PDB file of all heavy atoms in Angstrom:
ATOM      1  N   VAL A   1       0.856  -1.180   0.009  1.00  0.00           N
ATOM      2  CA  VAL A   1      -0.006  -0.006   0.013  1.00  0.00           C
ATOM      3  C   VAL A   1       0.890   1.232   0.009  1.00  0.00           C
ATOM      4  O   VAL A   1       1.709   1.414   0.892  1.00  0.00           O
ATOM      5  CB  VAL A   1      -0.910  -0.002   1.196  1.00  0.00           C
ATOM      6  CG1 VAL A   1      -1.667   1.348   1.362  1.00  0.00           C
ATOM      7  CG2 VAL A   1      -1.989  -1.129   1.088  1.00  0.00           C
ATOM      8  N   ARG A   2       0.662   2.075  -1.004  1.00  0.00           N
ATOM      9  CA  ARG A   2       1.492   3.295  -1.163  1.00  0.00           C
ATOM     10  C   ARG A   2       0.661   4.561  -1.043  1.00  0.00           C
ATOM     11  O   ARG A   2       1.240   5.650  -0.920  1.00  0.00           O
ATOM     12  CB  ARG A   2       2.204   3.254  -2.524  1.00  0.00           C
ATOM     13  CG  ARG A   2       3.119   2.063  -2.631  1.00  0.00           C
ATOM     14  CD  ARG A   2       3.591   1.832  -4.066  1.00  0.00           C
ATOM     15  NE  ARG A   2       4.382   0.641  -4.199  1.00  0.00           N
ATOM     16  CZ  ARG A   2       5.671   0.516  -3.980  1.00  0.00           C
ATOM     17  NH1 ARG A   2       6.362   1.624  -3.668  1.00  0.00           N
ATOM     18  NH2 ARG A   2       6.294  -0.636  -4.109  1.00  0.00           N
ATOM     19  N   ALA A   3      -0.694   4.426  -1.107  1.00  0.00           N
ATOM     20  CA  ALA A   3      -1.568   5.594  -0.991  1.00  0.00           C
ATOM     21  C   ALA A   3      -2.726   5.187  -0.089  1.00  0.00           C
ATOM     22  O   ALA A   3      -3.255   4.088  -0.181  1.00  0.00           O
ATOM     23  CB  ALA A   3      -2.065   6.033  -2.345  1.00  0.00           C
ATOM     24  N   LEU A   4      -3.117   6.131   0.772  1.00  0.00           N
ATOM     25  CA  LEU A   4      -4.225   5.845   1.712  1.00  0.00           C
ATOM     26  C   LEU A   4      -5.153   7.034   1.719  1.00  0.00           C
ATOM     27  O   LEU A   4      -4.722   8.204   1.869  1.00  0.00           O
ATOM     28  CB  LEU A   4      -3.677   5.595   3.132  1.00  0.00           C
ATOM     29  CG  LEU A   4      -4.713   5.432   4.248  1.00  0.00           C
ATOM     30  CD1 LEU A   4      -5.612   4.207   4.045  1.00  0.00           C
ATOM     31  CD2 LEU A   4      -4.002   5.375   5.589  1.00  0.00           C
ATOM     32  N   ILE A   5      -6.444   6.770   1.597  1.00  0.00           N
ATOM     33  CA  ILE A   5      -7.487   7.781   1.754  1.00  0.00           C
ATOM     34  C   ILE A   5      -8.217   7.485   3.045  1.00  0.00           C
ATOM     35  O   ILE A   5      -8.764   6.369   3.218  1.00  0.00           O
ATOM     36  CB  ILE A   5      -8.471   7.755   0.550  1.00  0.00           C
ATOM     37  CG1 ILE A   5      -7.721   8.028  -0.764  1.00  0.00           C
ATOM     38  CG2 ILE A   5      -9.605   8.797   0.779  1.00  0.00           C
ATOM     39  CD1 ILE A   5      -8.614   7.893  -1.974  1.00  0.00           C
ATOM     40  N   VAL A   6      -8.234   8.434   3.954  1.00  0.00           N
ATOM     41  CA  VAL A   6      -8.862   8.248   5.263  1.00  0.00           C
ATOM     42  C   VAL A   6     -10.147   9.096   5.274  1.00  0.00           C
ATOM     43  O   VAL A   6     -10.068  10.326   5.077  1.00  0.00           O
ATOM     44  CB  VAL A   6      -7.932   8.658   6.424  1.00  0.00           C
ATOM     45  CG1 VAL A   6      -8.642   8.564   7.749  1.00  0.00           C
ATOM     46  CG2 VAL A   6      -6.697   7.796   6.412  1.00  0.00           C
ATOM     47  N   ILE A   7     -11.286   8.477   5.531  1.00  0.00           N
ATOM     48  CA  ILE A   7     -12.543   9.191   5.516  1.00  0.00           C
ATOM     49  C   ILE A   7     -13.068   9.208   6.969  1.00  0.00           C
ATOM     50  O   ILE A   7     -13.471   8.215   7.521  1.00  0.00           O
ATOM     51  CB  ILE A   7     -13.566   8.447   4.596  1.00  0.00           C
ATOM     52  CG1 ILE A   7     -12.992   8.230   3.239  1.00  0.00           C
ATOM     53  CG2 ILE A   7     -14.865   9.240   4.554  1.00  0.00           C
ATOM     54  CD1 ILE A   7     -13.823   7.294   2.364  1.00  0.00           C
ATOM     55  N   GLY A   8     -13.043  10.414   7.555  1.00  0.00           N
ATOM     56  CA  GLY A   8     -13.598  10.577   8.900  1.00  0.00           C
ATOM     57  C   GLY A   8     -13.007   9.665   9.935  1.00  0.00           C
ATOM     58  O   GLY A   8     -13.687   9.181  10.821  1.00  0.00           O
ATOM     59  N   GLY A   9     -11.712   9.434   9.878  1.00  0.00           N
ATOM     60  CA  GLY A   9     -11.062   8.564  10.826  1.00  0.00           C
ATOM     61  C   GLY A   9      -9.716   9.097  11.244  1.00  0.00           C
ATOM     62  O   GLY A   9      -9.245  10.102  10.730  1.00  0.00           O
ATOM     63  N   ASN A  10      -9.081   8.374  12.204  1.00  0.00           N
ATOM     64  CA  ASN A  10      -7.826   8.840  12.752  1.00  0.00           C
ATOM     65  C   ASN A  10      -6.967   7.622  13.093  1.00  0.00           C
ATOM     66  O   ASN A  10      -6.786   7.299  14.260  1.00  0.00           O
ATOM     67  CB  ASN A  10      -8.119   9.669  14.034  1.00  0.00           C
ATOM     68  CG  ASN A  10      -6.946  10.490  14.498  1.00  0.00           C
ATOM     69  OD1 ASN A  10      -5.852  10.436  13.922  1.00  0.00           O
ATOM     70  ND2 ASN A  10      -7.140  11.225  15.571  1.00  0.00           N
ATOM     71  N   PRO A  11      -6.434   6.939  12.071  1.00  0.00           N
ATOM     72  CA  PRO A  11      -5.698   5.683  12.329  1.00  0.00           C
ATOM     73  C   PRO A  11      -4.519   5.828  13.276  1.00  0.00           C
ATOM     74  O   PRO A  11      -4.231   4.876  14.037  1.00  0.00           O
ATOM     75  CB  PRO A  11      -5.236   5.287  10.901  1.00  0.00           C
ATOM     76  CG  PRO A  11      -6.172   5.957  10.005  1.00  0.00           C
ATOM     77  CD  PRO A  11      -6.578   7.244  10.685  1.00  0.00           C
ATOM     78  N   VAL A  12      -3.874   6.965  13.260  1.00  0.00           N
ATOM     79  CA  VAL A  12      -2.700   7.136  14.160  1.00  0.00           C
ATOM     80  C   VAL A  12      -3.120   6.975  15.645  1.00  0.00           C
ATOM     81  O   VAL A  12      -2.336   6.500  16.440  1.00  0.00           O
ATOM     82  CB  VAL A  12      -2.053   8.497  13.894  1.00  0.00           C
ATOM     83  CG1 VAL A  12      -1.047   8.824  15.010  1.00  0.00           C
ATOM     84  CG2 VAL A  12      -1.400   8.541  12.535  1.00  0.00           C
ATOM     85  N   VAL A  13      -4.342   7.353  15.936  1.00  0.00           N
ATOM     86  CA  VAL A  13      -4.848   7.261  17.309  1.00  0.00           C
ATOM     87  C   VAL A  13      -5.600   5.941  17.523  1.00  0.00           C
ATOM     88  O   VAL A  13      -5.563   5.357  18.592  1.00  0.00           O
ATOM     89  CB  VAL A  13      -5.697   8.471  17.674  1.00  0.00           C
ATOM     90  CG1 VAL A  13      -6.451   8.285  18.955  1.00  0.00           C
ATOM     91  CG2 VAL A  13      -4.821   9.742  17.747  1.00  0.00           C
ATOM     92  N   ALA A  14      -6.357   5.530  16.509  1.00  0.00           N
ATOM     93  CA  ALA A  14      -7.307   4.424  16.717  1.00  0.00           C
ATOM     94  C   ALA A  14      -6.691   3.044  16.588  1.00  0.00           C
ATOM     95  O   ALA A  14      -7.159   2.077  17.189  1.00  0.00           O
ATOM     96  CB  ALA A  14      -8.445   4.564  15.674  1.00  0.00           C
ATOM     97  N   PHE A  15      -5.606   2.895  15.775  1.00  0.00           N
ATOM     98  CA  PHE A  15      -5.072   1.566  15.470  1.00  0.00           C
ATOM     99  C   PHE A  15      -4.062   1.140  16.526  1.00  0.00           C
ATOM    100  O   PHE A  15      -3.443   1.965  17.194  1.00  0.00           O
ATOM    101  CB  PHE A  15      -4.406   1.576  14.079  1.00  0.00           C
ATOM    102  CG  PHE A  15      -5.325   1.494  12.937  1.00  0.00           C
ATOM    103  CD1 PHE A  15      -6.428   2.327  12.843  1.00  0.00           C
ATOM    104  CD2 PHE A  15      -5.107   0.580  11.921  1.00  0.00           C
ATOM    105  CE1 PHE A  15      -7.292   2.259  11.749  1.00  0.00           C
ATOM    106  CE2 PHE A  15      -5.959   0.517  10.822  1.00  0.00           C
ATOM    107  CZ  PHE A  15      -7.066   1.353  10.725  1.00  0.00           C
ATOM    108  N   PRO A  16      -3.851  -0.200  16.678  1.00  0.00           N
ATOM    109  CA  PRO A  16      -2.842  -0.673  17.624  1.00  0.00           C
ATOM    110  C   PRO A  16      -1.439  -0.234  17.199  1.00  0.00           C
ATOM    111  O   PRO A  16      -1.182   0.026  16.019  1.00  0.00           O
ATOM    112  CB  PRO A  16      -2.990  -2.208  17.491  1.00  0.00           C
ATOM    113  CG  PRO A  16      -4.376  -2.415  16.947  1.00  0.00           C
ATOM    114  CD  PRO A  16      -4.628  -1.277  16.044  1.00  0.00           C
ATOM    115  N   ASP A  17      -0.548  -0.270  18.164  1.00  0.00           N
ATOM    116  CA  ASP A  17       0.868   0.052  17.957  1.00  0.00           C
ATOM    117  C   ASP A  17       1.037   1.403  17.260  1.00  0.00           C
ATOM    118  O   ASP A  17       1.392   1.466  16.063  1.00  0.00           O
ATOM    119  CB  ASP A  17       1.564  -1.075  17.157  1.00  0.00           C
ATOM    120  CG  ASP A  17       3.064  -0.993  17.269  1.00  0.00           C
ATOM    121  OD1 ASP A  17       3.594   0.096  17.567  1.00  0.00           O
ATOM    122  OD2 ASP A  17       3.725  -2.011  17.022  1.00  0.00           O
ATOM    123  N   GLN A  18       0.838   2.457  18.049  1.00  0.00           N
ATOM    124  CA  GLN A  18       0.818   3.801  17.480  1.00  0.00           C
ATOM    125  C   GLN A  18       2.124   4.180  16.778  1.00  0.00           C
ATOM    126  O   GLN A  18       2.086   4.784  15.697  1.00  0.00           O
ATOM    127  CB  GLN A  18       0.534   4.810  18.617  1.00  0.00           C
ATOM    128  CG  GLN A  18       0.301   6.213  18.093  1.00  0.00           C
ATOM    129  CD  GLN A  18      -0.164   7.116  19.253  1.00  0.00           C
ATOM    130  OE1 GLN A  18       0.618   7.511  20.077  1.00  0.00           O
ATOM    131  NE2 GLN A  18      -1.450   7.419  19.227  1.00  0.00           N
ATOM    132  N   ASP A  19       3.236   3.786  17.335  1.00  0.00           N
ATOM    133  CA  ASP A  19       4.536   4.134  16.694  1.00  0.00           C
ATOM    134  C   ASP A  19       4.636   3.473  15.323  1.00  0.00           C
ATOM    135  O   ASP A  19       5.098   4.073  14.346  1.00  0.00           O
ATOM    136  CB  ASP A  19       5.690   3.717  17.571  1.00  0.00           C
ATOM    137  CG  ASP A  19       5.818   4.621  18.795  1.00  0.00           C
ATOM    138  OD1 ASP A  19       5.294   5.743  18.766  1.00  0.00           O
ATOM    139  OD2 ASP A  19       6.466   4.191  19.770  1.00  0.00           O
ATOM    140  N   LYS A  20       4.214   2.211  15.213  1.00  0.00           N
ATOM    141  CA  LYS A  20       4.294   1.484  13.980  1.00  0.00           C
ATOM    142  C   LYS A  20       3.374   2.130  12.925  1.00  0.00           C
ATOM    143  O   LYS A  20       3.752   2.354  11.766  1.00  0.00           O
ATOM    144  CB  LYS A  20       3.928   0.000  14.179  1.00  0.00           C
ATOM    145  CG  LYS A  20       4.050  -0.833  12.916  1.00  0.00           C
ATOM    146  CD  LYS A  20       3.727  -2.273  13.305  1.00  0.00           C
ATOM    147  CE  LYS A  20       3.890  -3.226  12.146  1.00  0.00           C
ATOM    148  NZ  LYS A  20       3.594  -4.629  12.554  1.00  0.00           N
ATOM    149  N   MET A  21       2.112   2.415  13.337  1.00  0.00           N
ATOM    150  CA  MET A  21       1.174   3.083  12.419  1.00  0.00           C
ATOM    151  C   MET A  21       1.672   4.427  11.968  1.00  0.00           C
ATOM    152  O   MET A  21       1.570   4.797  10.778  1.00  0.00           O
ATOM    153  CB  MET A  21      -0.206   3.186  13.054  1.00  0.00           C
ATOM    154  CG  MET A  21      -1.239   3.902  12.200  1.00  0.00           C
ATOM    155  SD  MET A  21      -1.454   3.238  10.513  1.00  0.00           S
ATOM    156  CE  MET A  21      -2.313   1.729  10.865  1.00  0.00           C
ATOM    157  N   THR A  22       2.350   5.150  12.875  1.00  0.00           N
ATOM    158  CA  THR A  22       2.876   6.461  12.489  1.00  0.00           C
ATOM    159  C   THR A  22       3.954   6.306  11.462  1.00  0.00           C
ATOM    160  O   THR A  22       4.026   7.066  10.463  1.00  0.00           O
ATOM    161  CB  THR A  22       3.397   7.207  13.752  1.00  0.00           C
ATOM    162  OG1 THR A  22       2.342   7.341  14.710  1.00  0.00           O
ATOM    163  CG2 THR A  22       3.927   8.555  13.404  1.00  0.00           C
ATOM    164  N   ARG A  23       4.862   5.350  11.643  1.00  0.00           N
ATOM    165  CA  ARG A  23       5.909   5.073  10.666  1.00  0.00           C
ATOM    166  C   ARG A  23       5.298   4.739   9.305  1.00  0.00           C
ATOM    167  O   ARG A  23       5.763   5.181   8.281  1.00  0.00           O
ATOM    168  CB  ARG A  23       6.819   3.921  11.112  1.00  0.00           C
ATOM    169  CG  ARG A  23       7.709   4.277  12.300  1.00  0.00           C
ATOM    170  CD  ARG A  23       8.840   3.245  12.415  1.00  0.00           C
ATOM    171  NE  ARG A  23       8.427   1.858  12.328  1.00  0.00           N
ATOM    172  CZ  ARG A  23       7.999   1.111  13.360  1.00  0.00           C
ATOM    173  NH1 ARG A  23       7.906   1.678  14.571  1.00  0.00           N
ATOM    174  NH2 ARG A  23       7.662  -0.142  13.196  1.00  0.00           N
ATOM    175  N   ALA A  24       4.275   3.911   9.305  1.00  0.00           N
ATOM    176  CA  ALA A  24       3.638   3.472   8.086  1.00  0.00           C
ATOM    177  C   ALA A  24       2.996   4.653   7.387  1.00  0.00           C
ATOM    178  O   ALA A  24       3.134   4.804   6.168  1.00  0.00           O
ATOM    179  CB  ALA A  24       2.597   2.381   8.396  1.00  0.00           C
ATOM    180  N   ILE A  25       2.276   5.468   8.155  1.00  0.00           N
ATOM    181  CA  ILE A  25       1.620   6.648   7.544  1.00  0.00           C
ATOM    182  C   ILE A  25       2.646   7.605   6.952  1.00  0.00           C
ATOM    183  O   ILE A  25       2.505   8.126   5.853  1.00  0.00           O
ATOM    184  CB  ILE A  25       0.798   7.369   8.660  1.00  0.00           C
ATOM    185  CG1 ILE A  25      -0.469   6.595   9.052  1.00  0.00           C
ATOM    186  CG2 ILE A  25       0.456   8.794   8.231  1.00  0.00           C
ATOM    187  CD1 ILE A  25      -1.626   6.730   8.130  1.00  0.00           C
ATOM    188  N   ASP A  26       3.726   7.839   7.720  1.00  0.00           N
ATOM    189  CA  ASP A  26       4.743   8.782   7.261  1.00  0.00           C
ATOM    190  C   ASP A  26       5.512   8.281   6.043  1.00  0.00           C
ATOM    191  O   ASP A  26       6.114   9.061   5.310  1.00  0.00           O
ATOM    192  CB  ASP A  26       5.741   9.059   8.404  1.00  0.00           C
ATOM    193  CG  ASP A  26       5.117   9.932   9.506  1.00  0.00           C
ATOM    194  OD1 ASP A  26       4.047  10.490   9.294  1.00  0.00           O
ATOM    195  OD2 ASP A  26       5.737   9.964  10.601  1.00  0.00           O
ATOM    196  N   GLY A  27       5.477   6.982   5.783  1.00  0.00           N
ATOM    197  CA  GLY A  27       6.203   6.425   4.646  1.00  0.00           C
ATOM    198  C   GLY A  27       5.403   6.341   3.379  1.00  0.00           C
ATOM    199  O   GLY A  27       5.915   5.892   2.334  1.00  0.00           O
ATOM    200  N   LEU A  28       4.156   6.755   3.390  1.00  0.00           N
ATOM    201  CA  LEU A  28       3.291   6.704   2.220  1.00  0.00           C
ATOM    202  C   LEU A  28       3.740   7.682   1.134  1.00  0.00           C
ATOM    203  O   LEU A  28       4.281   8.739   1.461  1.00  0.00           O
ATOM    204  CB  LEU A  28       1.829   6.988   2.591  1.00  0.00           C
ATOM    205  CG  LEU A  28       1.084   5.876   3.384  1.00  0.00           C
ATOM    206  CD1 LEU A  28      -0.203   6.453   3.932  1.00  0.00           C
ATOM    207  CD2 LEU A  28       0.835   4.661   2.533  1.00  0.00           C
ATOM    208  N   GLU A  29       3.430   7.357  -0.101  1.00  0.00           N
ATOM    209  CA  GLU A  29       3.634   8.304  -1.195  1.00  0.00           C
ATOM    210  C   GLU A  29       2.505   9.349  -1.193  1.00  0.00           C
ATOM    211  O   GLU A  29       2.724  10.478  -1.639  1.00  0.00           O
ATOM    212  CB  GLU A  29       3.670   7.568  -2.520  1.00  0.00           C
ATOM    213  CG  GLU A  29       4.851   6.658  -2.715  1.00  0.00           C
ATOM    214  CD  GLU A  29       4.832   5.940  -4.076  1.00  0.00           C
ATOM    215  OE1 GLU A  29       4.233   6.505  -5.023  1.00  0.00           O
ATOM    216  OE2 GLU A  29       5.393   4.819  -4.147  1.00  0.00           O
ATOM    217  N   LEU A  30       1.299   8.950  -0.729  1.00  0.00           N
ATOM    218  CA  LEU A  30       0.169   9.852  -0.730  1.00  0.00           C
ATOM    219  C   LEU A  30      -0.761   9.525   0.423  1.00  0.00           C
ATOM    220  O   LEU A  30      -1.207   8.390   0.551  1.00  0.00           O
ATOM    221  CB  LEU A  30      -0.613   9.745  -2.049  1.00  0.00           C
ATOM    222  CG  LEU A  30      -1.888  10.556  -2.191  1.00  0.00           C
ATOM    223  CD1 LEU A  30      -1.546  12.084  -2.150  1.00  0.00           C
ATOM    224  CD2 LEU A  30      -2.656  10.196  -3.421  1.00  0.00           C
ATOM    225  N   LEU A  31      -1.051  10.520   1.280  1.00  0.00           N
ATOM    226  CA  LEU A  31      -2.035  10.362   2.309  1.00  0.00           C
ATOM    227  C   LEU A  31      -3.053  11.507   2.144  1.00  0.00           C
ATOM    228  O   LEU A  31      -2.681  12.673   2.148  1.00  0.00           O
ATOM    229  CB  LEU A  31      -1.393  10.494   3.697  1.00  0.00           C
ATOM    230  CG  LEU A  31      -2.389  10.503   4.885  1.00  0.00           C
ATOM    231  CD1 LEU A  31      -3.205   9.206   4.952  1.00  0.00           C
ATOM    232  CD2 LEU A  31      -1.636  10.703   6.196  1.00  0.00           C
ATOM    233  N   VAL A  32      -4.338  11.094   1.996  1.00  0.00           N
ATOM    234  CA  VAL A  32      -5.458  12.047   1.897  1.00  0.00           C
ATOM    235  C   VAL A  32      -6.344  11.819   3.103  1.00  0.00           C
ATOM    236  O   VAL A  32      -6.757  10.716   3.409  1.00  0.00           O
ATOM    237  CB  VAL A  32      -6.241  11.820   0.601  1.00  0.00           C
ATOM    238  CG1 VAL A  32      -7.405  12.778   0.525  1.00  0.00           C
ATOM    239  CG2 VAL A  32      -5.345  11.919  -0.633  1.00  0.00           C
ATOM    240  N   SER A  33      -6.598  12.878   3.826  1.00  0.00           N
ATOM    241  CA  SER A  33      -7.453  12.821   5.007  1.00  0.00           C
ATOM    242  C   SER A  33      -8.670  13.707   4.758  1.00  0.00           C
ATOM    243  O   SER A  33      -8.527  14.903   4.534  1.00  0.00           O
ATOM    244  CB  SER A  33      -6.688  13.312   6.269  1.00  0.00           C
ATOM    245  OG  SER A  33      -7.523  13.318   7.370  1.00  0.00           O
ATOM    246  N   ILE A  34      -9.848  13.112   4.802  1.00  0.00           N
ATOM    247  CA  ILE A  34     -11.095  13.858   4.746  1.00  0.00           C
ATOM    248  C   ILE A  34     -11.542  14.092   6.162  1.00  0.00           C
ATOM    249  O   ILE A  34     -11.962  13.167   6.851  1.00  0.00           O
ATOM    250  CB  ILE A  34     -12.167  13.110   3.922  1.00  0.00           C
ATOM    251  CG1 ILE A  34     -11.635  12.788   2.522  1.00  0.00           C
ATOM    252  CG2 ILE A  34     -13.445  13.925   3.860  1.00  0.00           C
ATOM    253  CD1 ILE A  34     -12.592  11.929   1.714  1.00  0.00           C
ATOM    254  N   ASP A  35     -11.467  15.327   6.655  1.00  0.00           N
ATOM    255  CA  ASP A  35     -11.663  15.556   8.071  1.00  0.00           C
ATOM    256  C   ASP A  35     -12.002  17.039   8.281  1.00  0.00           C
ATOM    257  O   ASP A  35     -11.505  17.910   7.570  1.00  0.00           O
ATOM    258  CB  ASP A  35     -10.379  15.233   8.858  1.00  0.00           C
ATOM    259  CG  ASP A  35     -10.632  14.894  10.314  1.00  0.00           C
ATOM    260  OD1 ASP A  35     -11.536  15.485  10.912  1.00  0.00           O
ATOM    261  OD2 ASP A  35      -9.903  14.024  10.840  1.00  0.00           O
ATOM    262  N   VAL A  36     -12.870  17.277   9.298  1.00  0.00           N
ATOM    263  CA  VAL A  36     -13.168  18.678   9.659  1.00  0.00           C
ATOM    264  C   VAL A  36     -12.166  19.208  10.656  1.00  0.00           C
ATOM    265  O   VAL A  36     -12.148  20.399  10.990  1.00  0.00           O
ATOM    266  CB  VAL A  36     -14.581  18.796  10.297  1.00  0.00           C
ATOM    267  CG1 VAL A  36     -15.620  18.386   9.254  1.00  0.00           C
ATOM    268  CG2 VAL A  36     -14.705  17.974  11.560  1.00  0.00           C
ATOM    269  N   ASN A  37     -11.276  18.355  11.159  1.00  0.00           N
ATOM    270  CA  ASN A  37     -10.296  18.743  12.184  1.00  0.00           C
ATOM    271  C   ASN A  37      -8.879  18.589  11.637  1.00  0.00           C
ATOM    272  O   ASN A  37      -8.352  17.491  11.549  1.00  0.00           O
ATOM    273  CB  ASN A  37     -10.499  17.875  13.427  1.00  0.00           C
ATOM    274  CG  ASN A  37      -9.496  18.214  14.537  1.00  0.00           C
ATOM    275  OD1 ASN A  37      -8.820  19.235  14.518  1.00  0.00           O
ATOM    276  ND2 ASN A  37      -9.374  17.312  15.512  1.00  0.00           N
ATOM    277  N   ALA A  38      -8.273  19.695  11.319  1.00  0.00           N
ATOM    278  CA  ALA A  38      -6.898  19.688  10.698  1.00  0.00           C
ATOM    279  C   ALA A  38      -5.862  19.350  11.732  1.00  0.00           C
ATOM    280  O   ALA A  38      -4.728  19.055  11.404  1.00  0.00           O
ATOM    281  CB  ALA A  38      -6.616  21.034  10.084  1.00  0.00           C
ATOM    282  N   GLU A  39      -6.259  19.334  13.045  1.00  0.00           N
ATOM    283  CA  GLU A  39      -5.289  19.060  14.103  1.00  0.00           C
ATOM    284  C   GLU A  39      -5.326  17.604  14.559  1.00  0.00           C
ATOM    285  O   GLU A  39      -4.634  17.231  15.531  1.00  0.00           O
ATOM    286  CB  GLU A  39      -5.560  19.955  15.294  1.00  0.00           C
ATOM    287  CG  GLU A  39      -5.339  21.424  14.971  1.00  0.00           C
ATOM    288  CD  GLU A  39      -3.890  21.694  14.560  1.00  0.00           C
ATOM    289  OE1 GLU A  39      -2.959  21.198  15.265  1.00  0.00           O
ATOM    290  OE2 GLU A  39      -3.704  22.372  13.556  1.00  0.00           O
ATOM    291  N   SER A  40      -6.112  16.727  13.915  1.00  0.00           N
ATOM    292  CA  SER A  40      -6.092  15.335  14.335  1.00  0.00           C
ATOM    293  C   SER A  40      -4.714  14.758  14.020  1.00  0.00           C
ATOM    294  O   SER A  40      -4.009  15.218  13.121  1.00  0.00           O
ATOM    295  CB  SER A  40      -7.154  14.531  13.596  1.00  0.00           C
ATOM    296  OG  SER A  40      -6.718  14.106  12.314  1.00  0.00           O
TER     297      SER A  40
END
């Protein structure tokens, strides 16, 4: 997986192993977040 579209969610907070999920998110070629909260 090289691109992720997140719809109304917060995987960095919701998923297990926060550090691992953060590394995975930061390594993507494209991350799109649909969210009303830019500070999530």
